[in-house]
Amino acid sequence: MKIKKNDKVKMLSGKDRGKTGKVIFVLSKKDEANRVVVEGLNKVKKHQRPKKQGQKGQIVSVERAVSVSSVQLVCPSCGKPTRISQKIEGKNKTRICKKCGAMIS
């Protein structure tokens, strides 16, 4: 997967189309089918039951995972949403911006 934790991404589809946010964590195992959770985007309301007696239940907003195909990385150097290429130098694999050619850490 070409998107990693702490990357800045732009939403391409859904109710938050066009907004940007930071990736909180990546779900890349076989059963999760390459999804990411973006901070402040794709929020849904969740009903939470009371944990202890006497405590009230509540409705909380939670960020849900979104498919990797619905987000695009924003290059830190040029600031534009871009595709990513990978370059292998010896044993190191680096990500490179397709628009400006800068290396992405």
PDB file of N, CA and C in Angstrom:
ATOM      1  N   MET A   1       0.844  -1.178   0.000  1.00  0.00           N
ATOM      2  CA  MET A   1       0.000   0.000   0.000  1.00  0.00           C
ATOM      3  C   MET A   1       0.887   1.239   0.000  1.00  0.00           C
ATOM      4  N   LYS A   2       0.482   2.251  -0.762  1.00  0.00           N
ATOM      5  CA  LYS A   2       1.309   3.432  -0.932  1.00  0.00           C
ATOM      6  C   LYS A   2       0.988   4.556   0.041  1.00  0.00           C
ATOM      7  N   ILE A   3      -0.086   4.422   0.818  1.00  0.00           N
ATOM      8  CA  ILE A   3      -0.449   5.434   1.816  1.00  0.00           C
ATOM      9  C   ILE A   3      -0.115   4.904   3.197  1.00  0.00           C
ATOM     10  N   LYS A   4       0.526   5.753   4.013  1.00  0.00           N
ATOM     11  CA  LYS A   4       0.977   5.343   5.336  1.00  0.00           C
ATOM     12  C   LYS A   4       0.396   6.260   6.409  1.00  0.00           C
ATOM     13  N   LYS A   5       0.621   5.885   7.662  1.00  0.00           N
ATOM     14  CA  LYS A   5       0.164   6.673   8.800  1.00  0.00           C
ATOM     15  C   LYS A   5       0.818   8.054   8.765  1.00  0.00           C
ATOM     16  N   ASN A   6       0.080   9.079   9.179  1.00  0.00           N
ATOM     17  CA  ASN A   6       0.495  10.488   9.242  1.00  0.00           C
ATOM     18  C   ASN A   6       0.626  11.160   7.882  1.00  0.00           C
ATOM     19  N   ASP A   7       0.207  10.502   6.790  1.00  0.00           N
ATOM     20  CA  ASP A   7       0.183  11.150   5.481  1.00  0.00           C
ATOM     21  C   ASP A   7      -1.020  12.086   5.405  1.00  0.00           C
ATOM     22  N   LYS A   8      -0.887  13.169   4.662  1.00  0.00           N
ATOM     23  CA  LYS A   8      -2.010  14.068   4.419  1.00  0.00           C
ATOM     24  C   LYS A   8      -2.683  13.604   3.130  1.00  0.00           C
ATOM     25  N   VAL A   9      -4.000  13.367   3.206  1.00  0.00           N
ATOM     26  CA  VAL A   9      -4.720  12.850   2.045  1.00  0.00           C
ATOM     27  C   VAL A   9      -5.943  13.706   1.737  1.00  0.00           C
ATOM     28  N   LYS A  10      -6.419  13.609   0.489  1.00  0.00           N
ATOM     29  CA  LYS A  10      -7.618  14.314   0.048  1.00  0.00           C
ATOM     30  C   LYS A  10      -8.667  13.269  -0.307  1.00  0.00           C
ATOM     31  N   MET A  11      -9.914  13.497   0.149  1.00  0.00           N
ATOM     32  CA  MET A  11     -11.008  12.574  -0.150  1.00  0.00           C
ATOM     33  C   MET A  11     -11.480  12.789  -1.588  1.00  0.00           C
ATOM     34  N   LEU A  12     -11.641  11.693  -2.337  1.00  0.00           N
ATOM     35  CA  LEU A  12     -12.072  11.762  -3.725  1.00  0.00           C
ATOM     36  C   LEU A  12     -13.554  11.459  -3.898  1.00  0.00           C
ATOM     37  N   SER A  13     -14.157  10.786  -2.923  1.00  0.00           N
ATOM     38  CA  SER A  13     -15.568  10.425  -3.053  1.00  0.00           C
ATOM     39  C   SER A  13     -16.244  10.442  -1.692  1.00  0.00           C
ATOM     40  N   GLY A  14     -17.573  10.385  -1.709  1.00  0.00           N
ATOM     41  CA  GLY A  14     -18.336  10.358  -0.474  1.00  0.00           C
ATOM     42  C   GLY A  14     -18.805  11.735  -0.050  1.00  0.00           C
ATOM     43  N   LYS A  15     -19.387  11.796   1.144  1.00  0.00           N
ATOM     44  CA  LYS A  15     -19.955  13.054   1.629  1.00  0.00           C
ATOM     45  C   LYS A  15     -18.889  14.094   1.958  1.00  0.00           C
ATOM     46  N   ASP A  16     -17.646  13.664   2.202  1.00  0.00           N
ATOM     47  CA  ASP A  16     -16.557  14.585   2.521  1.00  0.00           C
ATOM     48  C   ASP A  16     -15.637  14.821   1.326  1.00  0.00           C
ATOM     49  N   ARG A  17     -16.155  14.700   0.105  1.00  0.00           N
ATOM     50  CA  ARG A  17     -15.358  14.862  -1.108  1.00  0.00           C
ATOM     51  C   ARG A  17     -14.691  16.234  -1.151  1.00  0.00           C
ATOM     52  N   GLY A  18     -13.392  16.263  -1.436  1.00  0.00           N
ATOM     53  CA  GLY A  18     -12.661  17.520  -1.548  1.00  0.00           C
ATOM     54  C   GLY A  18     -11.973  17.958  -0.275  1.00  0.00           C
ATOM     55  N   LYS A  19     -12.324  17.374   0.866  1.00  0.00           N
ATOM     56  CA  LYS A  19     -11.704  17.753   2.138  1.00  0.00           C
ATOM     57  C   LYS A  19     -10.397  16.992   2.333  1.00  0.00           C
ATOM     58  N   THR A  20      -9.502  17.577   3.140  1.00  0.00           N
ATOM     59  CA  THR A  20      -8.227  16.922   3.417  1.00  0.00           C
ATOM     60  C   THR A  20      -8.117  16.611   4.903  1.00  0.00           C
ATOM     61  N   GLY A  21      -7.304  15.622   5.227  1.00  0.00           N
ATOM     62  CA  GLY A  21      -7.086  15.231   6.613  1.00  0.00           C
ATOM     63  C   GLY A  21      -5.870  14.334   6.732  1.00  0.00           C
ATOM     64  N   LYS A  22      -5.508  14.036   7.966  1.00  0.00           N
ATOM     65  CA  LYS A  22      -4.339  13.213   8.239  1.00  0.00           C
ATOM     66  C   LYS A  22      -4.772  11.776   8.514  1.00  0.00           C
ATOM     67  N   VAL A  23      -4.012  10.814   8.001  1.00  0.00           N
ATOM     68  CA  VAL A  23      -4.328   9.403   8.205  1.00  0.00           C
ATOM     69  C   VAL A  23      -3.974   9.027   9.642  1.00  0.00           C
ATOM     70  N   ILE A  24      -4.958   8.510  10.391  1.00  0.00           N
ATOM     71  CA  ILE A  24      -4.734   8.096  11.782  1.00  0.00           C
ATOM     72  C   ILE A  24      -4.105   6.715  11.825  1.00  0.00           C
ATOM     73  N   PHE A  25      -4.731   5.745  11.141  1.00  0.00           N
ATOM     74  CA  PHE A  25      -4.117   4.426  11.010  1.00  0.00           C
ATOM     75  C   PHE A  25      -4.604   3.719   9.757  1.00  0.00           C
ATOM     76  N   VAL A  26      -3.855   2.686   9.371  1.00  0.00           N
ATOM     77  CA  VAL A  26      -4.084   1.970   8.129  1.00  0.00           C
ATOM     78  C   VAL A  26      -4.479   0.535   8.448  1.00  0.00           C
ATOM     79  N   LEU A  27      -5.538   0.053   7.803  1.00  0.00           N
ATOM     80  CA  LEU A  27      -5.965  -1.335   7.932  1.00  0.00           C
ATOM     81  C   LEU A  27      -5.587  -2.035   6.628  1.00  0.00           C
ATOM     82  N   SER A  28      -4.494  -2.780   6.630  1.00  0.00           N
ATOM     83  CA  SER A  28      -4.009  -3.353   5.382  1.00  0.00           C
ATOM     84  C   SER A  28      -3.976  -4.874   5.375  1.00  0.00           C
ATOM     85  N   LYS A  29      -4.580  -5.494   6.389  1.00  0.00           N
ATOM     86  CA  LYS A  29      -4.593  -6.955   6.411  1.00  0.00           C
ATOM     87  C   LYS A  29      -5.526  -7.485   5.338  1.00  0.00           C
ATOM     88  N   LYS A  30      -5.461  -8.771   5.104  1.00  0.00           N
ATOM     89  CA  LYS A  30      -6.222  -9.397   4.034  1.00  0.00           C
ATOM     90  C   LYS A  30      -7.733  -9.230   4.220  1.00  0.00           C
ATOM     91  N   ASP A  31      -8.217  -9.342   5.452  1.00  0.00           N
ATOM     92  CA  ASP A  31      -9.655  -9.276   5.689  1.00  0.00           C
ATOM     93  C   ASP A  31     -10.203  -7.846   5.711  1.00  0.00           C
ATOM     94  N   GLU A  32      -9.368  -6.820   5.921  1.00  0.00           N
ATOM     95  CA  GLU A  32      -9.841  -5.442   5.950  1.00  0.00           C
ATOM     96  C   GLU A  32      -9.863  -4.793   4.572  1.00  0.00           C
ATOM     97  N   ALA A  33      -9.251  -5.398   3.594  1.00  0.00           N
ATOM     98  CA  ALA A  33      -9.298  -4.954   2.193  1.00  0.00           C
ATOM     99  C   ALA A  33      -8.786  -3.532   2.001  1.00  0.00           C
ATOM    100  N   ASN A  34      -7.629  -3.206   2.534  1.00  0.00           N
ATOM    101  CA  ASN A  34      -6.934  -1.933   2.296  1.00  0.00           C
ATOM    102  C   ASN A  34      -7.799  -0.701   2.562  1.00  0.00           C
ATOM    103  N   ARG A  35      -7.969  -0.388   3.830  1.00  0.00           N
ATOM    104  CA  ARG A  35      -8.766   0.767   4.237  1.00  0.00           C
ATOM    105  C   ARG A  35      -7.930   1.671   5.135  1.00  0.00           C
ATOM    106  N   VAL A  36      -8.283   2.953   5.176  1.00  0.00           N
ATOM    107  CA  VAL A  36      -7.604   3.923   6.030  1.00  0.00           C
ATOM    108  C   VAL A  36      -8.634   4.695   6.835  1.00  0.00           C
ATOM    109  N   VAL A  37      -8.220   5.180   8.006  1.00  0.00           N
ATOM    110  CA  VAL A  37      -9.059   6.039   8.834  1.00  0.00           C
ATOM    111  C   VAL A  37      -8.439   7.427   8.799  1.00  0.00           C
ATOM    112  N   VAL A  38      -9.226   8.418   8.365  1.00  0.00           N
ATOM    113  CA  VAL A  38      -8.735   9.784   8.210  1.00  0.00           C
ATOM    114  C   VAL A  38      -9.324  10.647   9.317  1.00  0.00           C
ATOM    115  N   GLU A  39      -8.475  11.441   9.946  1.00  0.00           N
ATOM    116  CA  GLU A  39      -8.866  12.274  11.080  1.00  0.00           C
ATOM    117  C   GLU A  39      -9.891  13.334  10.659  1.00  0.00           C
ATOM    118  N   GLY A  40     -11.058  13.319  11.312  1.00  0.00           N
ATOM    119  CA  GLY A  40     -12.089  14.323  11.087  1.00  0.00           C
ATOM    120  C   GLY A  40     -12.965  14.096   9.869  1.00  0.00           C
ATOM    121  N   LEU A  41     -12.728  13.033   9.098  1.00  0.00           N
ATOM    122  CA  LEU A  41     -13.514  12.773   7.897  1.00  0.00           C
ATOM    123  C   LEU A  41     -14.247  11.440   8.009  1.00  0.00           C
ATOM    124  N   ASN A  42     -15.331  11.293   7.239  1.00  0.00           N
ATOM    125  CA  ASN A  42     -16.173  10.094   7.222  1.00  0.00           C
ATOM    126  C   ASN A  42     -16.698   9.769   8.621  1.00  0.00           C
ATOM    127  N   LYS A  43     -17.199  10.791   9.317  1.00  0.00           N
ATOM    128  CA  LYS A  43     -17.728  10.609  10.671  1.00  0.00           C
ATOM    129  C   LYS A  43     -19.145  10.072  10.630  1.00  0.00           C
ATOM    130  N   VAL A  44     -19.447   9.166  11.552  1.00  0.00           N
ATOM    131  CA  VAL A  44     -20.792   8.616  11.699  1.00  0.00           C
ATOM    132  C   VAL A  44     -21.182   8.683  13.168  1.00  0.00           C
ATOM    133  N   LYS A  45     -22.487   8.712  13.421  1.00  0.00           N
ATOM    134  CA  LYS A  45     -22.988   8.713  14.798  1.00  0.00           C
ATOM    135  C   LYS A  45     -23.087   7.287  15.294  1.00  0.00           C
ATOM    136  N   LYS A  46     -22.642   7.059  16.529  1.00  0.00           N
ATOM    137  CA  LYS A  46     -22.677   5.729  17.122  1.00  0.00           C
ATOM    138  C   LYS A  46     -23.358   5.824  18.481  1.00  0.00           C
ATOM    139  N   HIS A  47     -24.323   4.953  18.720  1.00  0.00           N
ATOM    140  CA  HIS A  47     -25.007   4.930  20.010  1.00  0.00           C
ATOM    141  C   HIS A  47     -24.168   4.107  20.976  1.00  0.00           C
ATOM    142  N   GLN A  48     -23.848   4.700  22.129  1.00  0.00           N
ATOM    143  CA  GLN A  48     -22.990   4.034  23.111  1.00  0.00           C
ATOM    144  C   GLN A  48     -23.813   3.719  24.349  1.00  0.00           C
ATOM    145  N   ARG A  49     -23.759   2.475  24.760  1.00  0.00           N
ATOM    146  CA  ARG A  49     -24.510   2.060  25.949  1.00  0.00           C
ATOM    147  C   ARG A  49     -23.784   2.513  27.211  1.00  0.00           C
ATOM    148  N   PRO A  50     -24.519   2.672  28.311  1.00  0.00           N
ATOM    149  CA  PRO A  50     -23.851   3.026  29.570  1.00  0.00           C
ATOM    150  C   PRO A  50     -22.962   1.874  30.047  1.00  0.00           C
ATOM    151  N   LYS A  51     -21.778   2.209  30.506  1.00  0.00           N
ATOM    152  CA  LYS A  51     -20.824   1.186  30.962  1.00  0.00           C
ATOM    153  C   LYS A  51     -21.131   0.725  32.388  1.00  0.00           C
ATOM    154  N   LYS A  52     -21.479   1.680  33.266  1.00  0.00           N
ATOM    155  CA  LYS A  52     -21.738   1.355  34.674  1.00  0.00           C
ATOM    156  C   LYS A  52     -23.165   1.742  35.028  1.00  0.00           C
ATOM    157  N   GLN A  53     -23.635   1.207  36.122  1.00  0.00           N
ATOM    158  CA  GLN A  53     -24.974   1.539  36.568  1.00  0.00           C
ATOM    159  C   GLN A  53     -25.024   2.996  37.027  1.00  0.00           C
ATOM    160  N   GLY A  54     -26.066   3.700  36.616  1.00  0.00           N
ATOM    161  CA  GLY A  54     -26.191   5.109  36.968  1.00  0.00           C
ATOM    162  C   GLY A  54     -25.617   6.029  35.908  1.00  0.00           C
ATOM    163  N   GLN A  55     -24.836   5.483  34.986  1.00  0.00           N
ATOM    164  CA  GLN A  55     -24.254   6.281  33.908  1.00  0.00           C
ATOM    165  C   GLN A  55     -25.249   6.348  32.746  1.00  0.00           C
ATOM    166  N   LYS A  56     -25.238   7.450  31.988  1.00  0.00           N
ATOM    167  CA  LYS A  56     -26.170   7.601  30.878  1.00  0.00           C
ATOM    168  C   LYS A  56     -25.533   7.135  29.576  1.00  0.00           C
ATOM    169  N   GLY A  57     -26.388   6.638  28.678  1.00  0.00           N
ATOM    170  CA  GLY A  57     -25.937   6.314  27.334  1.00  0.00           C
ATOM    171  C   GLY A  57     -25.790   7.606  26.545  1.00  0.00           C
ATOM    172  N   GLN A  58     -25.065   7.550  25.450  1.00  0.00           N
ATOM    173  CA  GLN A  58     -24.847   8.764  24.668  1.00  0.00           C
ATOM    174  C   GLN A  58     -24.634   8.437  23.195  1.00  0.00           C
ATOM    175  N   ILE A  59     -24.680   9.472  22.373  1.00  0.00           N
ATOM    176  CA  ILE A  59     -24.413   9.331  20.948  1.00  0.00           C
ATOM    177  C   ILE A  59     -23.080  10.005  20.663  1.00  0.00           C
ATOM    178  N   VAL A  60     -22.151   9.254  20.084  1.00  0.00           N
ATOM    179  CA  VAL A  60     -20.801   9.762  19.828  1.00  0.00           C
ATOM    180  C   VAL A  60     -20.525   9.777  18.323  1.00  0.00           C
ATOM    181  N   SER A  61     -19.703  10.721  17.867  1.00  0.00           N
ATOM    182  CA  SER A  61     -19.261  10.753  16.476  1.00  0.00           C
ATOM    183  C   SER A  61     -17.930  10.030  16.371  1.00  0.00           C
ATOM    184  N   VAL A  62     -17.835   9.101  15.427  1.00  0.00           N
ATOM    185  CA  VAL A  62     -16.639   8.276  15.267  1.00  0.00           C
ATOM    186  C   VAL A  62     -16.213   8.310  13.803  1.00  0.00           C
ATOM    187  N   GLU A  63     -14.890   8.355  13.552  1.00  0.00           N
ATOM    188  CA  GLU A  63     -14.382   8.262  12.185  1.00  0.00           C
ATOM    189  C   GLU A  63     -14.383   6.798  11.763  1.00  0.00           C
ATOM    190  N   ARG A  64     -14.928   6.519  10.599  1.00  0.00           N
ATOM    191  CA  ARG A  64     -14.959   5.162  10.076  1.00  0.00           C
ATOM    192  C   ARG A  64     -13.913   5.007   8.977  1.00  0.00           C
ATOM    193  N   ALA A  65     -13.518   3.766   8.748  1.00  0.00           N
ATOM    194  CA  ALA A  65     -12.526   3.461   7.716  1.00  0.00           C
ATOM    195  C   ALA A  65     -13.120   3.693   6.339  1.00  0.00           C
ATOM    196  N   VAL A  66     -12.273   4.149   5.419  1.00  0.00           N
ATOM    197  CA  VAL A  66     -12.664   4.386   4.042  1.00  0.00           C
ATOM    198  C   VAL A  66     -11.645   3.676   3.144  1.00  0.00           C
ATOM    199  N   SER A  67     -12.071   3.258   1.974  1.00  0.00           N
ATOM    200  CA  SER A  67     -11.201   2.529   1.060  1.00  0.00           C
ATOM    201  C   SER A  67     -10.041   3.408   0.592  1.00  0.00           C
ATOM    202  N   VAL A  68      -8.901   2.784   0.350  1.00  0.00           N
ATOM    203  CA  VAL A  68      -7.719   3.514  -0.105  1.00  0.00           C
ATOM    204  C   VAL A  68      -7.967   4.140  -1.475  1.00  0.00           C
ATOM    205  N   SER A  69      -8.825   3.518  -2.281  1.00  0.00           N
ATOM    206  CA  SER A  69      -9.117   4.058  -3.603  1.00  0.00           C
ATOM    207  C   SER A  69      -9.929   5.348  -3.537  1.00  0.00           C
ATOM    208  N   SER A  70     -10.486   5.669  -2.375  1.00  0.00           N
ATOM    209  CA  SER A  70     -11.280   6.895  -2.214  1.00  0.00           C
ATOM    210  C   SER A  70     -10.461   8.075  -1.712  1.00  0.00           C
ATOM    211  N   VAL A  71      -9.166   7.867  -1.479  1.00  0.00           N
ATOM    212  CA  VAL A  71      -8.303   8.958  -1.018  1.00  0.00           C
ATOM    213  C   VAL A  71      -7.090   9.075  -1.939  1.00  0.00           C
ATOM    214  N   GLN A  72      -6.498  10.288  -1.953  1.00  0.00           N
ATOM    215  CA  GLN A  72      -5.299  10.514  -2.741  1.00  0.00           C
ATOM    216  C   GLN A  72      -4.311  11.313  -1.905  1.00  0.00           C
ATOM    217  N   LEU A  73      -3.051  10.919  -1.948  1.00  0.00           N
ATOM    218  CA  LEU A  73      -2.008  11.563  -1.159  1.00  0.00           C
ATOM    219  C   LEU A  73      -1.770  12.990  -1.625  1.00  0.00           C
ATOM    220  N   VAL A  74      -1.600  13.908  -0.662  1.00  0.00           N
ATOM    221  CA  VAL A  74      -1.237  15.290  -0.967  1.00  0.00           C
ATOM    222  C   VAL A  74       0.265  15.405  -0.752  1.00  0.00           C
ATOM    223  N   CYS A  75       0.980  15.806  -1.813  1.00  0.00           N
ATOM    224  CA  CYS A  75       2.450  15.909  -1.757  1.00  0.00           C
ATOM    225  C   CYS A  75       2.858  17.007  -0.777  1.00  0.00           C
ATOM    226  N   PRO A  76       3.785  16.720   0.158  1.00  0.00           N
ATOM    227  CA  PRO A  76       4.207  17.751   1.113  1.00  0.00           C
ATOM    228  C   PRO A  76       5.012  18.885   0.475  1.00  0.00           C
ATOM    229  N   SER A  77       5.678  18.636  -0.654  1.00  0.00           N
ATOM    230  CA  SER A  77       6.503  19.688  -1.250  1.00  0.00           C
ATOM    231  C   SER A  77       5.710  20.598  -2.194  1.00  0.00           C
ATOM    232  N   CYS A  78       4.871  20.018  -3.077  1.00  0.00           N
ATOM    233  CA  CYS A  78       4.118  20.864  -4.013  1.00  0.00           C
ATOM    234  C   CYS A  78       2.706  21.168  -3.529  1.00  0.00           C
ATOM    235  N   GLY A  79       2.188  20.413  -2.550  1.00  0.00           N
ATOM    236  CA  GLY A  79       0.890  20.681  -1.964  1.00  0.00           C
ATOM    237  C   GLY A  79      -0.299  20.281  -2.819  1.00  0.00           C
ATOM    238  N   LYS A  80      -0.076  19.460  -3.843  1.00  0.00           N
ATOM    239  CA  LYS A  80      -1.157  19.036  -4.727  1.00  0.00           C
ATOM    240  C   LYS A  80      -1.445  17.554  -4.525  1.00  0.00           C
ATOM    241  N   PRO A  81      -2.704  17.137  -4.725  1.00  0.00           N
ATOM    242  CA  PRO A  81      -2.997  15.710  -4.677  1.00  0.00           C
ATOM    243  C   PRO A  81      -2.317  15.016  -5.856  1.00  0.00           C
ATOM    244  N   THR A  82      -1.653  13.909  -5.583  1.00  0.00           N
ATOM    245  CA  THR A  82      -0.848  13.278  -6.609  1.00  0.00           C
ATOM    246  C   THR A  82      -0.853  11.766  -6.505  1.00  0.00           C
ATOM    247  N   ARG A  83      -0.459  11.119  -7.598  1.00  0.00           N
ATOM    248  CA  ARG A  83      -0.219   9.692  -7.561  1.00  0.00           C
ATOM    249  C   ARG A  83       1.211   9.471  -7.091  1.00  0.00           C
ATOM    250  N   ILE A  84       1.526   8.249  -6.725  1.00  0.00           N
ATOM    251  CA  ILE A  84       2.827   7.957  -6.142  1.00  0.00           C
ATOM    252  C   ILE A  84       3.517   6.881  -6.961  1.00  0.00           C
ATOM    253  N   SER A  85       4.805   7.084  -7.238  1.00  0.00           N
ATOM    254  CA  SER A  85       5.604   6.018  -7.831  1.00  0.00           C
ATOM    255  C   SER A  85       6.603   5.564  -6.785  1.00  0.00           C
ATOM    256  N   GLN A  86       7.152   4.391  -6.984  1.00  0.00           N
ATOM    257  CA  GLN A  86       8.142   3.863  -6.050  1.00  0.00           C
ATOM    258  C   GLN A  86       9.451   3.623  -6.775  1.00  0.00           C
ATOM    259  N   LYS A  87      10.535   4.017  -6.110  1.00  0.00           N
ATOM    260  CA  LYS A  87      11.861   3.848  -6.685  1.00  0.00           C
ATOM    261  C   LYS A  87      12.685   2.986  -5.734  1.00  0.00           C
ATOM    262  N   ILE A  88      13.337   1.977  -6.274  1.00  0.00           N
ATOM    263  CA  ILE A  88      14.140   1.079  -5.449  1.00  0.00           C
ATOM    264  C   ILE A  88      15.611   1.388  -5.684  1.00  0.00           C
ATOM    265  N   GLU A  89      16.303   1.744  -4.599  1.00  0.00           N
ATOM    266  CA  GLU A  89      17.744   2.017  -4.648  1.00  0.00           C
ATOM    267  C   GLU A  89      18.425   1.066  -3.684  1.00  0.00           C
ATOM    268  N   GLY A  90      19.021   0.012  -4.199  1.00  0.00           N
ATOM    269  CA  GLY A  90      19.635  -0.997  -3.342  1.00  0.00           C
ATOM    270  C   GLY A  90      18.570  -1.742  -2.567  1.00  0.00           C
ATOM    271  N   LYS A  91      18.587  -1.605  -1.234  1.00  0.00           N
ATOM    272  CA  LYS A  91      17.580  -2.243  -0.390  1.00  0.00           C
ATOM    273  C   LYS A  91      16.494  -1.276   0.051  1.00  0.00           C
ATOM    274  N   ASN A  92      16.622   0.009  -0.283  1.00  0.00           N
ATOM    275  CA  ASN A  92      15.658   1.020   0.136  1.00  0.00           C
ATOM    276  C   ASN A  92      14.603   1.251  -0.938  1.00  0.00           C
ATOM    277  N   LYS A  93      13.356   1.351  -0.510  1.00  0.00           N
ATOM    278  CA  LYS A  93      12.246   1.674  -1.406  1.00  0.00           C
ATOM    279  C   LYS A  93      11.697   3.033  -0.986  1.00  0.00           C
ATOM    280  N   THR A  94      11.689   4.000  -1.909  1.00  0.00           N
ATOM    281  CA  THR A  94      11.216   5.344  -1.589  1.00  0.00           C
ATOM    282  C   THR A  94       9.995   5.683  -2.432  1.00  0.00           C
ATOM    283  N   ARG A  95       9.123   6.545  -1.877  1.00  0.00           N
ATOM    284  CA  ARG A  95       7.943   7.016  -2.596  1.00  0.00           C
ATOM    285  C   ARG A  95       8.273   8.349  -3.258  1.00  0.00           C
ATOM    286  N   ILE A  96       7.799   8.534  -4.494  1.00  0.00           N
ATOM    287  CA  ILE A  96       8.116   9.728  -5.256  1.00  0.00           C
ATOM    288  C   ILE A  96       6.816  10.331  -5.817  1.00  0.00           C
ATOM    289  N   CYS A  97       6.684  11.655  -5.732  1.00  0.00           N
ATOM    290  CA  CYS A  97       5.534  12.381  -6.248  1.00  0.00           C
ATOM    291  C   CYS A  97       5.588  12.366  -7.776  1.00  0.00           C
ATOM    292  N   LYS A  98       4.450  12.026  -8.419  1.00  0.00           N
ATOM    293  CA  LYS A  98       4.405  11.978  -9.883  1.00  0.00           C
ATOM    294  C   LYS A  98       4.374  13.378 -10.507  1.00  0.00           C
ATOM    295  N   LYS A  99       3.910  14.393  -9.752  1.00  0.00           N
ATOM    296  CA  LYS A  99       3.797  15.739 -10.320  1.00  0.00           C
ATOM    297  C   LYS A  99       5.109  16.521 -10.263  1.00  0.00           C
ATOM    298  N   CYS A 100       5.742  16.547  -9.072  1.00  0.00           N
ATOM    299  CA  CYS A 100       6.946  17.376  -8.945  1.00  0.00           C
ATOM    300  C   CYS A 100       8.228  16.563  -8.875  1.00  0.00           C
ATOM    301  N   GLY A 101       8.130  15.248  -8.672  1.00  0.00           N
ATOM    302  CA  GLY A 101       9.318  14.398  -8.629  1.00  0.00           C
ATOM    303  C   GLY A 101      10.032  14.392  -7.285  1.00  0.00           C
ATOM    304  N   ALA A 102       9.456  15.025  -6.267  1.00  0.00           N
ATOM    305  CA  ALA A 102      10.087  15.074  -4.950  1.00  0.00           C
ATOM    306  C   ALA A 102       9.897  13.759  -4.199  1.00  0.00           C
ATOM    307  N   MET A 103      10.854  13.477  -3.310  1.00  0.00           N
ATOM    308  CA  MET A 103      10.772  12.270  -2.501  1.00  0.00           C
ATOM    309  C   MET A 103       9.837  12.514  -1.319  1.00  0.00           C
ATOM    310  N   ILE A 104       8.982  11.526  -1.032  1.00  0.00           N
ATOM    311  CA  ILE A 104       8.043  11.613   0.078  1.00  0.00           C
ATOM    312  C   ILE A 104       8.547  10.713   1.167  1.00  0.00           C
ATOM    313  N   SER A 105       8.699  11.233   2.375  1.00  0.00           N
ATOM    314  CA  SER A 105       9.231  10.429   3.475  1.00  0.00           C
ATOM    315  C   SER A 105       8.221   9.477   4.040  1.00  0.00           C
TER     316      SER A 105
END
